Amino acid sequence: MSVGDGSATPTRPLRLIVAEDEPIIRLDLVECLVDEGYEVVASTGRGDEVLGLVEQHRPDLVILDVRMPGIDGIEAADLLTERRLAGVVILTAYSQRDLVARATDAGALGYLVKPWQRHDLIPAVEIAHARFLETLALAGEAAELGERLDARKLIDRAKGVLMDEHGMSEAEAFRFVQTTAMADRRSMREVAADVLEGTLAPDATAAD
């Protein structure tokens, strides 16, 4: 499956699509993202236009409002996740908290609560993109959805240990698991299990 080039670089910022049916909110989002150095390749107010725009522009990330004409953001997220076309950030109102579980099941990797704040936007975008790259990496190791979800949970727990006990950021913890797996020719799931069992740590690896 073709998806961008996998990561932003100093010469290629993250490319995004914004899908929000309220024009003022949509324009504010686009303006803010552009101000922060992102490239907004398309925007729409309809959920049923999202898939076509994503297939045309191949963005890194899509910001989806929950309620849109055509299909809602959760349905659109489900389609994008199933095909691994792009990472998804869901826009939700406080009154829509009951939809968060549905959005998670549909593959949403980040959330923005309306009325959103600029200081919340960038972390949501960056975290969702990092998690999408993790999902792509895991997809190569596990063909079945259930197996991928189990592996992701194990790796998330291992990342938590690395962050809490070794002062790593989330991205550094994931890179440690990924690069160790590549070096040892093992799966990331196996490496994560060793981290959780306490038999593998960054300091120990560096000492070898």
Protein backbone atom coordinates (compact mmCIF):
# COMPACT_ATOMS: atom_id res chain seq x y z
CA MET A 1 0.00 0.00 0.00
CA SER A 2 1.41 3.37 -1.01
CA VAL A 3 1.42 6.08 1.65
CA GLY A 4 3.49 9.24 1.20
CA ASP A 5 7.15 8.71 2.02
CA GLY A 6 6.45 7.74 5.62
CA SER A 7 7.89 10.75 7.44
CA ALA A 8 8.32 14.47 7.25
CA THR A 9 11.74 15.97 6.55
CA PRO A 10 13.11 19.53 6.72
CA THR A 11 12.23 19.84 3.02
CA ARG A 12 8.92 17.97 3.15
CA PRO A 13 6.53 18.93 5.94
CA LEU A 14 3.63 16.75 6.96
CA ARG A 15 0.82 16.84 4.41
CA LEU A 16 -2.74 17.00 5.78
CA ILE A 17 -6.37 16.97 4.70
CA VAL A 18 -8.98 18.72 6.85
CA ALA A 19 -12.59 17.48 6.81
CA GLU A 20 -14.97 19.67 8.83
CA ASP A 21 -18.47 20.72 7.82
CA GLU A 22 -18.43 24.10 9.59
CA PRO A 23 -16.64 26.50 7.19
CA ILE A 24 -15.30 28.84 9.88
CA ILE A 25 -13.79 26.01 11.91
CA ARG A 26 -12.39 24.41 8.75
CA LEU A 27 -10.75 27.67 7.64
CA ASP A 28 -9.33 28.28 11.12
CA LEU A 29 -7.83 24.79 11.18
CA VAL A 30 -6.28 25.17 7.74
CA GLU A 31 -4.85 28.59 8.58
CA CYS A 32 -3.40 27.39 11.87
CA LEU A 33 -1.83 24.29 10.31
CA VAL A 34 -0.25 26.33 7.53
CA ASP A 35 1.05 28.87 10.07
CA GLU A 36 2.69 25.98 11.95
CA GLY A 37 4.52 24.81 8.83
CA TYR A 38 2.27 21.97 7.68
CA GLU A 39 1.02 21.56 4.13
CA VAL A 40 -2.76 21.30 3.80
CA VAL A 41 -3.26 19.58 0.44
CA ALA A 42 -7.09 19.62 0.50
CA SER A 43 -10.11 20.39 2.67
CA THR A 44 -13.76 19.43 2.52
CA GLY A 45 -17.01 19.76 4.41
CA ARG A 46 -18.33 16.31 3.42
CA GLY A 47 -17.38 12.94 4.81
CA ASP A 48 -18.12 11.13 1.57
CA GLU A 49 -15.44 13.17 -0.22
CA VAL A 50 -12.64 12.20 2.16
CA LEU A 51 -11.65 8.85 0.67
CA GLY A 52 -11.37 10.24 -2.85
CA LEU A 53 -9.27 13.19 -1.67
CA VAL A 54 -6.97 10.90 0.30
CA GLU A 55 -6.48 8.57 -2.65
CA GLN A 56 -5.74 11.58 -4.87
CA HIS A 57 -3.35 13.47 -2.57
CA ARG A 58 -1.88 10.71 -0.34
CA PRO A 59 -1.56 12.85 2.80
CA ASP A 60 0.24 11.80 5.96
CA LEU A 61 -2.71 12.65 8.17
CA VAL A 62 -6.42 13.49 7.99
CA ILE A 63 -8.31 15.59 10.54
CA LEU A 64 -11.94 14.44 10.61
CA ASP A 65 -14.95 16.01 12.28
CA VAL A 66 -17.27 13.39 13.75
CA ARG A 67 -20.50 14.73 12.25
CA MET A 68 -20.46 15.48 8.53
CA PRO A 69 -22.90 15.03 5.63
CA GLY A 70 -22.44 11.99 3.42
CA ILE A 71 -20.71 9.73 5.93
CA ASP A 72 -19.56 10.69 9.40
CA GLY A 73 -15.95 10.99 10.49
CA ILE A 74 -15.93 7.64 12.26
CA GLU A 75 -17.04 5.81 9.11
CA ALA A 76 -14.40 7.69 7.12
CA ALA A 77 -11.75 6.83 9.74
CA ASP A 78 -12.70 3.18 9.49
CA LEU A 79 -12.20 3.20 5.71
CA LEU A 80 -8.85 4.97 5.94
CA THR A 81 -7.59 2.67 8.69
CA GLU A 82 -8.69 -0.50 6.91
CA ARG A 83 -6.64 0.50 3.86
CA ARG A 84 -3.82 2.08 5.89
CA LEU A 85 -4.07 5.22 3.74
CA ALA A 86 -3.34 7.87 6.38
CA GLY A 87 -3.33 8.56 10.08
CA VAL A 88 -6.51 10.03 11.57
CA VAL A 89 -7.19 12.76 14.13
CA ILE A 90 -10.84 13.01 15.19
CA LEU A 91 -12.51 16.33 16.03
CA THR A 92 -15.11 15.85 18.75
CA ALA A 93 -17.25 18.08 20.94
CA TYR A 94 -17.49 17.65 24.71
CA SER A 95 -21.01 16.29 24.23
CA GLN A 96 -19.66 13.56 21.92
CA ARG A 97 -17.43 11.82 24.45
CA ASP A 98 -19.55 8.70 24.05
CA LEU A 99 -18.19 8.47 20.49
CA VAL A 100 -14.54 8.25 21.53
CA ALA A 101 -14.68 4.47 21.95
CA ARG A 102 -16.20 4.12 18.48
CA ALA A 103 -13.54 6.38 17.02
CA THR A 104 -10.78 4.35 18.69
CA ASP A 105 -12.22 1.14 17.28
CA ALA A 106 -12.27 2.82 13.86
CA GLY A 107 -8.54 3.51 14.13
CA ALA A 108 -8.38 7.15 15.27
CA LEU A 109 -4.88 7.89 16.58
CA GLY A 110 -5.52 11.31 18.10
CA TYR A 111 -8.29 13.65 19.26
CA LEU A 112 -9.07 17.35 19.29
CA VAL A 113 -11.90 18.57 21.49
CA LYS A 114 -13.90 21.54 20.20
CA PRO A 115 -13.49 24.38 20.77
CA TRP A 116 -9.90 23.38 20.04
CA GLN A 117 -6.88 25.44 21.07
CA ARG A 118 -3.75 26.05 18.98
CA HIS A 119 -1.51 24.59 21.70
CA ASP A 120 -3.51 21.32 21.53
CA LEU A 121 -3.40 21.04 17.73
CA ILE A 122 0.29 20.41 17.12
CA PRO A 123 0.74 17.66 19.76
CA ALA A 124 -2.37 15.90 18.43
CA VAL A 125 -1.02 15.98 14.87
CA GLU A 126 2.51 14.88 15.77
CA ILE A 127 1.43 12.07 18.11
CA ALA A 128 -1.11 10.74 15.61
CA HIS A 129 1.49 10.73 12.83
CA ALA A 130 4.03 8.92 15.01
CA ARG A 131 1.43 6.31 15.93
CA PHE A 132 0.49 5.89 12.27
CA LEU A 133 4.11 5.14 11.41
CA GLU A 134 4.14 2.58 14.21
CA THR A 135 0.99 1.00 12.77
CA LEU A 136 2.63 0.69 9.36
CA ALA A 137 5.70 -0.89 10.92
CA LEU A 138 3.59 -3.37 12.87
CA ALA A 139 1.55 -4.25 9.79
CA GLY A 140 4.61 -5.79 8.22
CA GLU A 141 5.01 -8.15 11.17
CA ALA A 142 1.45 -9.29 11.74
CA ALA A 143 -1.05 -10.04 9.02
CA GLU A 144 -4.13 -10.47 11.20
CA LEU A 145 -5.86 -7.49 12.79
CA GLY A 146 -6.18 -9.18 16.19
CA GLU A 147 -2.49 -10.04 16.15
CA ARG A 148 -1.59 -6.45 15.27
CA LEU A 149 -3.73 -5.10 18.10
CA ASP A 150 -2.12 -7.49 20.62
CA ALA A 151 1.35 -6.51 19.40
CA ARG A 152 0.50 -2.81 19.62
CA LYS A 153 -0.73 -3.16 23.21
CA LEU A 154 2.47 -4.98 24.18
CA ILE A 155 4.67 -2.39 22.49
CA ASP A 156 2.71 0.48 24.08
CA ARG A 157 3.33 -1.08 27.50
CA ALA A 158 7.02 -1.48 26.73
CA LYS A 159 7.21 2.14 25.57
CA GLY A 160 5.67 3.16 28.88
CA VAL A 161 8.41 1.29 30.78
CA LEU A 162 11.14 2.88 28.66
CA MET A 163 9.64 6.35 29.14
CA ASP A 164 9.11 5.97 32.90
CA GLU A 165 12.33 4.14 33.79
CA HIS A 166 14.78 5.48 31.22
CA GLY A 167 13.51 9.00 30.52
CA MET A 168 12.80 8.38 26.84
CA SER A 169 10.23 10.24 24.77
CA GLU A 170 7.49 8.18 23.11
CA ALA A 171 9.28 8.41 19.74
CA GLU A 172 12.65 7.41 21.25
CA ALA A 173 11.08 4.43 23.03
CA PHE A 174 9.48 3.19 19.82
CA ARG A 175 12.75 3.63 17.88
CA PHE A 176 14.57 1.61 20.55
CA VAL A 177 12.13 -1.28 20.19
CA GLN A 178 12.18 -1.06 16.39
CA THR A 179 15.95 -0.78 15.93
CA THR A 180 16.64 -3.51 18.49
CA ALA A 181 14.24 -5.82 16.65
CA MET A 182 15.97 -5.09 13.35
CA ALA A 183 19.45 -5.61 14.80
CA ASP A 184 18.50 -8.88 16.50
CA ARG A 185 16.32 -10.04 13.59
CA ARG A 186 13.37 -10.51 15.90
CA SER A 187 9.86 -9.11 15.95
CA MET A 188 9.08 -5.89 17.82
CA ARG A 189 6.62 -7.88 19.87
CA GLU A 190 9.43 -10.15 21.13
CA VAL A 191 11.63 -7.16 21.97
CA ALA A 192 8.74 -5.47 23.81
CA ALA A 193 8.20 -8.64 25.85
CA ASP A 194 11.86 -8.61 26.90
CA VAL A 195 11.57 -4.96 27.96
CA LEU A 196 8.53 -5.78 30.08
CA GLU A 197 10.27 -8.79 31.64
CA GLY A 198 13.23 -6.60 32.55
CA THR A 199 15.74 -8.60 30.51
CA LEU A 200 16.33 -5.81 27.99
CA ALA A 201 17.07 -2.13 28.60
CA PRO A 202 18.80 0.67 26.69
CA ASP A 203 21.78 0.74 29.05
CA ALA A 204 22.25 -3.00 28.76
CA THR A 205 22.14 -2.77 24.98
CA ALA A 206 24.71 0.02 24.93
CA ALA A 207 26.99 -1.99 27.18
CA ASP A 208 27.03 -5.03 24.91
